[in-house]
N, C-alpha and C. Protein backbone atom coordinates (compact mmCIF):
# COMPACT_ATOMS: atom_id res chain seq x y z
N MET A 1 -3.43 10.47 -8.14
CA MET A 1 -1.96 10.15 -8.20
C MET A 1 -2.28 8.55 -9.27
N GLY A 2 -3.55 7.60 -9.02
CA GLY A 2 -3.74 6.73 -10.05
C GLY A 2 -2.64 6.55 -9.97
N LYS A 3 -1.68 6.05 -11.80
CA LYS A 3 -1.18 5.07 -11.70
C LYS A 3 0.70 5.94 -11.16
N GLY A 4 0.33 6.78 -10.37
CA GLY A 4 1.93 7.05 -10.09
C GLY A 4 2.47 5.85 -9.00
N ILE A 5 1.76 5.60 -8.64
CA ILE A 5 2.43 4.56 -7.27
C ILE A 5 2.39 3.38 -8.07
N LEU A 6 1.89 2.48 -9.40
CA LEU A 6 2.03 1.90 -10.21
C LEU A 6 2.94 1.39 -10.61
N LEU A 7 3.71 3.22 -11.20
CA LEU A 7 4.83 3.09 -12.00
C LEU A 7 6.24 3.33 -11.46
N GLU A 8 5.53 3.73 -9.34
CA GLU A 8 6.64 3.01 -9.01
C GLU A 8 7.26 2.67 -8.13
N ILE A 9 6.12 1.09 -8.39
CA ILE A 9 6.18 0.25 -7.50
C ILE A 9 7.19 -0.58 -8.67
N HIS A 10 6.99 -0.57 -9.83
CA HIS A 10 7.18 -1.38 -11.06
C HIS A 10 8.72 -0.69 -11.08
N LYS A 11 9.10 -0.28 -10.37
CA LYS A 11 10.57 0.10 -11.07
C LYS A 11 11.54 -0.89 -10.03
N MET A 12 11.09 -0.93 -9.02
CA MET A 12 11.78 -1.69 -7.58
C MET A 12 12.30 -3.21 -8.67
N ASP A 13 12.97 -3.67 -7.54
CA ASP A 13 13.46 -5.32 -7.92
C ASP A 13 12.74 -6.10 -7.66
N ASN A 14 12.27 -6.00 -6.24
CA ASN A 14 11.44 -7.08 -5.93
C ASN A 14 9.67 -7.10 -5.11
N THR A 15 9.35 -7.65 -4.71
CA THR A 15 8.19 -7.09 -4.31
C THR A 15 8.36 -6.93 -2.65
N ALA A 16 8.88 -7.59 -1.91
CA ALA A 16 9.36 -6.98 -0.56
C ALA A 16 9.63 -5.62 -0.47
N ASP A 17 9.95 -5.05 -1.20
CA ASP A 17 10.52 -3.48 -1.51
C ASP A 17 9.01 -2.90 -2.40
N GLN A 18 8.24 -3.26 -3.16
CA GLN A 18 7.47 -2.86 -2.84
C GLN A 18 6.21 -3.17 -2.55
N VAL A 19 6.07 -4.13 -1.79
CA VAL A 19 5.14 -3.56 -0.23
C VAL A 19 5.52 -3.19 0.86
N LYS A 20 6.67 -3.15 1.18
CA LYS A 20 6.93 -1.87 2.24
C LYS A 20 6.81 -0.06 1.67
N PHE A 21 6.97 -0.62 0.43
CA PHE A 21 6.79 0.94 -0.51
C PHE A 21 5.56 1.66 -0.10
N ILE A 22 4.11 0.28 -0.40
CA ILE A 22 2.73 0.69 -0.94
C ILE A 22 2.30 0.92 1.05
N ARG A 23 3.03 0.25 2.22
CA ARG A 23 2.40 0.35 2.80
C ARG A 23 2.99 1.44 4.01
N ARG A 24 4.04 1.91 3.50
CA ARG A 24 4.92 2.96 4.45
C ARG A 24 4.05 4.00 3.52
N LEU A 25 3.47 4.17 2.47
CA LEU A 25 2.75 5.37 2.09
C LEU A 25 1.48 5.44 2.53
N THR A 26 0.95 4.77 3.54
CA THR A 26 -0.04 4.87 4.91
C THR A 26 0.52 5.41 6.30
N GLY A 27 1.21 5.47 6.07
CA GLY A 27 2.41 5.79 7.34
C GLY A 27 1.35 4.51 8.45
N LEU A 28 1.05 3.48 8.16
CA LEU A 28 0.37 2.48 8.67
C LEU A 28 1.53 1.55 9.11
N SER A 29 1.89 1.24 10.51
CA SER A 29 2.79 -0.18 11.26
C SER A 29 2.12 -1.38 10.29
N GLN A 30 2.87 -2.62 10.68
CA GLN A 30 2.20 -3.40 9.55
C GLN A 30 0.96 -4.12 10.31
N ILE A 31 0.85 -4.16 12.17
CA ILE A 31 -0.60 -4.34 12.41
C ILE A 31 -1.64 -3.62 11.95
N ALA A 32 -1.38 -2.10 12.30
CA ALA A 32 -2.31 -1.20 11.24
C ALA A 32 -2.73 -1.85 10.47
N PHE A 33 -1.67 -1.76 9.52
CA PHE A 33 -1.98 -1.91 7.47
C PHE A 33 -2.49 -2.97 7.44
N GLY A 34 -2.53 -4.28 8.51
CA GLY A 34 -2.64 -5.61 8.50
C GLY A 34 -4.38 -5.61 8.52
N LYS A 35 -4.26 -5.05 9.99
CA LYS A 35 -5.87 -4.68 10.27
C LYS A 35 -7.14 -4.05 8.89
N LYS A 36 -6.39 -2.85 8.46
CA LYS A 36 -7.99 -2.02 7.69
C LYS A 36 -7.27 -2.58 6.47
N TYR A 37 -7.00 -3.38 5.97
CA TYR A 37 -6.69 -4.46 4.73
C TYR A 37 -6.91 -5.35 4.96
N ASN A 38 -6.85 -6.38 5.26
CA ASN A 38 -7.59 -7.41 6.37
C ASN A 38 -6.58 -8.19 5.41
N ILE A 39 -5.14 -8.05 6.12
CA ILE A 39 -3.99 -8.59 5.67
C ILE A 39 -3.08 -9.45 7.68
N PRO A 40 -3.29 -11.02 7.36
CA PRO A 40 -2.85 -11.50 8.79
C PRO A 40 -1.25 -10.29 8.84
N ARG A 41 -0.72 -10.23 9.55
CA ARG A 41 -0.09 -9.84 10.25
C ARG A 41 1.44 -10.57 9.61
N ARG A 42 1.47 -11.83 10.03
CA ARG A 42 2.61 -12.63 9.55
C ARG A 42 2.68 -12.42 8.14
N THR A 43 1.80 -12.22 7.14
CA THR A 43 1.89 -12.49 6.37
C THR A 43 2.55 -10.81 5.09
N LEU A 44 1.92 -9.95 6.13
CA LEU A 44 3.03 -9.18 5.07
C LEU A 44 4.05 -8.84 6.39
N GLN A 45 4.31 -9.33 7.37
CA GLN A 45 6.08 -9.49 8.08
C GLN A 45 6.80 -10.98 6.75
N ASN A 46 6.09 -11.37 6.52
CA ASN A 46 6.72 -12.27 5.43
C ASN A 46 7.09 -11.71 4.64
N TRP A 47 6.07 -11.34 3.49
CA TRP A 47 6.10 -10.60 2.39
C TRP A 47 6.75 -9.27 2.36
N GLU A 48 7.11 -8.93 3.19
CA GLU A 48 7.96 -7.80 3.57
C GLU A 48 9.79 -8.25 3.76
N SER A 49 10.03 -9.52 4.34
CA SER A 49 11.09 -9.54 4.75
C SER A 49 11.66 -10.91 3.08
N GLU A 50 11.69 -11.13 2.02
CA GLU A 50 11.40 -11.63 1.28
C GLU A 50 11.44 -13.54 1.47
N GLU A 51 10.80 -13.97 2.50
CA GLU A 51 10.09 -14.84 3.16
C GLU A 51 9.46 -15.79 2.11
N GLY A 52 8.43 -14.83 2.10
CA GLY A 52 7.40 -15.23 0.57
C GLY A 52 7.08 -14.25 -0.28
N ASN A 53 6.40 -13.98 -1.62
CA ASN A 53 6.48 -13.55 -2.12
C ASN A 53 4.69 -13.53 -3.13
N PRO A 54 4.10 -12.35 -2.45
CA PRO A 54 2.88 -12.61 -3.24
C PRO A 54 2.92 -12.45 -5.23
N PRO A 55 1.20 -12.77 -5.36
CA PRO A 55 1.74 -12.36 -6.83
C PRO A 55 1.63 -10.91 -7.39
N GLN A 56 2.49 -10.42 -8.35
CA GLN A 56 2.54 -9.13 -8.60
C GLN A 56 0.62 -8.55 -8.62
N TYR A 57 0.56 -9.75 -9.22
CA TYR A 57 -1.30 -9.20 -9.39
C TYR A 57 -1.69 -8.21 -7.97
N ILE A 58 -1.90 -9.82 -6.78
CA ILE A 58 -2.51 -8.52 -5.86
C ILE A 58 -1.73 -7.47 -5.05
N VAL A 59 -0.03 -7.75 -5.47
CA VAL A 59 0.69 -6.13 -4.89
C VAL A 59 -0.09 -4.48 -6.31
N ASP A 60 -0.21 -5.67 -6.71
CA ASP A 60 -1.19 -3.95 -7.61
C ASP A 60 -2.63 -3.61 -7.46
N PHE A 61 -2.60 -4.74 -7.14
CA PHE A 61 -4.53 -4.60 -6.54
C PHE A 61 -4.22 -3.90 -4.94
N MET A 62 -3.36 -4.18 -4.49
CA MET A 62 -2.73 -3.09 -3.54
C MET A 62 -2.80 -1.82 -3.66
N ALA A 63 -1.61 -1.73 -4.47
CA ALA A 63 -1.29 -0.62 -4.53
C ALA A 63 -2.48 0.37 -5.12
N ARG A 64 -2.85 -0.01 -5.97
CA ARG A 64 -4.85 0.91 -6.42
C ARG A 64 -4.80 1.20 -5.06
N VAL A 65 -5.71 0.04 -4.36
CA VAL A 65 -6.50 0.30 -3.49
C VAL A 65 -5.81 1.24 -2.22
N VAL A 66 -4.39 1.61 -1.67
CA VAL A 66 -3.73 2.28 -1.43
C VAL A 66 -3.83 3.75 -1.56
N ASP A 67 -4.13 3.88 -3.48
CA ASP A 67 -3.67 5.24 -4.09
C ASP A 67 -5.37 5.69 -3.65
N ASP A 68 -5.99 4.63 -3.44
CA ASP A 68 -7.64 4.77 -3.67
C ASP A 68 -7.75 5.97 -2.69
N ASP A 69 -7.43 5.00 -1.37
CA ASP A 69 -7.92 5.48 -0.37
C ASP A 69 -7.02 6.65 0.29
N LEU A 70 -5.63 6.61 0.00
CA LEU A 70 -5.17 8.41 -0.33
C LEU A 70 -5.55 8.63 -0.90
N ASN A 71 -6.46 9.21 -2.07
CA ASN A 71 -6.82 10.18 -2.45
C ASN A 71 -8.45 10.84 -2.24
N GLU A 72 -8.90 9.74 -1.59
CA GLU A 72 -10.18 10.06 -1.00
C GLU A 72 -10.02 10.63 0.75
N ASP A 73 -9.03 10.38 1.38
CA ASP A 73 -8.26 11.18 2.10
C ASP A 73 -8.07 12.38 2.16
N SER A 74 -7.21 12.63 1.04
CA SER A 74 -7.13 13.80 0.71
C SER A 74 -8.30 15.00 0.33
N GLU A 75 -9.32 14.26 -0.53
CA GLU A 75 -10.50 14.82 -0.88
C GLU A 75 -10.98 15.24 0.61
N GLU A 76 -11.18 14.52 1.10
CA GLU A 76 -12.29 14.56 2.18
C GLU A 76 -11.92 15.59 3.26
N HIS A 77 -10.34 15.72 3.17
CA HIS A 77 -8.83 16.99 4.02
C HIS A 77 -9.51 18.75 3.24
N ALA A 78 -9.55 17.87 2.09
CA ALA A 78 -9.72 19.52 0.72
C ALA A 78 -10.65 19.49 1.59
N VAL A 79 -11.93 19.29 1.59
CA VAL A 79 -13.27 19.30 1.59
C VAL A 79 -13.72 20.18 3.61
N ARG A 80 -13.20 19.75 4.69
CA ARG A 80 -12.86 20.32 5.74
C ARG A 80 -12.27 20.95 5.96
N ARG A 81 -11.56 22.08 5.02
CA ARG A 81 -10.72 22.95 4.88
C ARG A 81 -11.28 24.15 4.47
N LYS A 82 -11.96 24.03 3.50
CA LYS A 82 -13.00 24.77 3.02
C LYS A 82 -14.16 25.21 3.51
N LYS A 83 -14.97 23.96 4.88
CA LYS A 83 -15.99 24.69 5.87
C LYS A 83 -15.18 25.84 6.27
């Protein structure tokens, strides 16, 4: 995917939608996402409800990290299927 997630989120109007989109790509709840990426649940709630806005560079970094994780997971799954 690489820049695909970044391109998608930059089409969105606000960071709340961007953060929700990134988290939902993982299929994780706010609690599980927060634990995995070391982000307090309340912080995610604030970001997703527009009560607080992370800087764009934080959202971009989240997109890159999640993208890497998703690519890594799909590669591991492909390797397991070949065995």
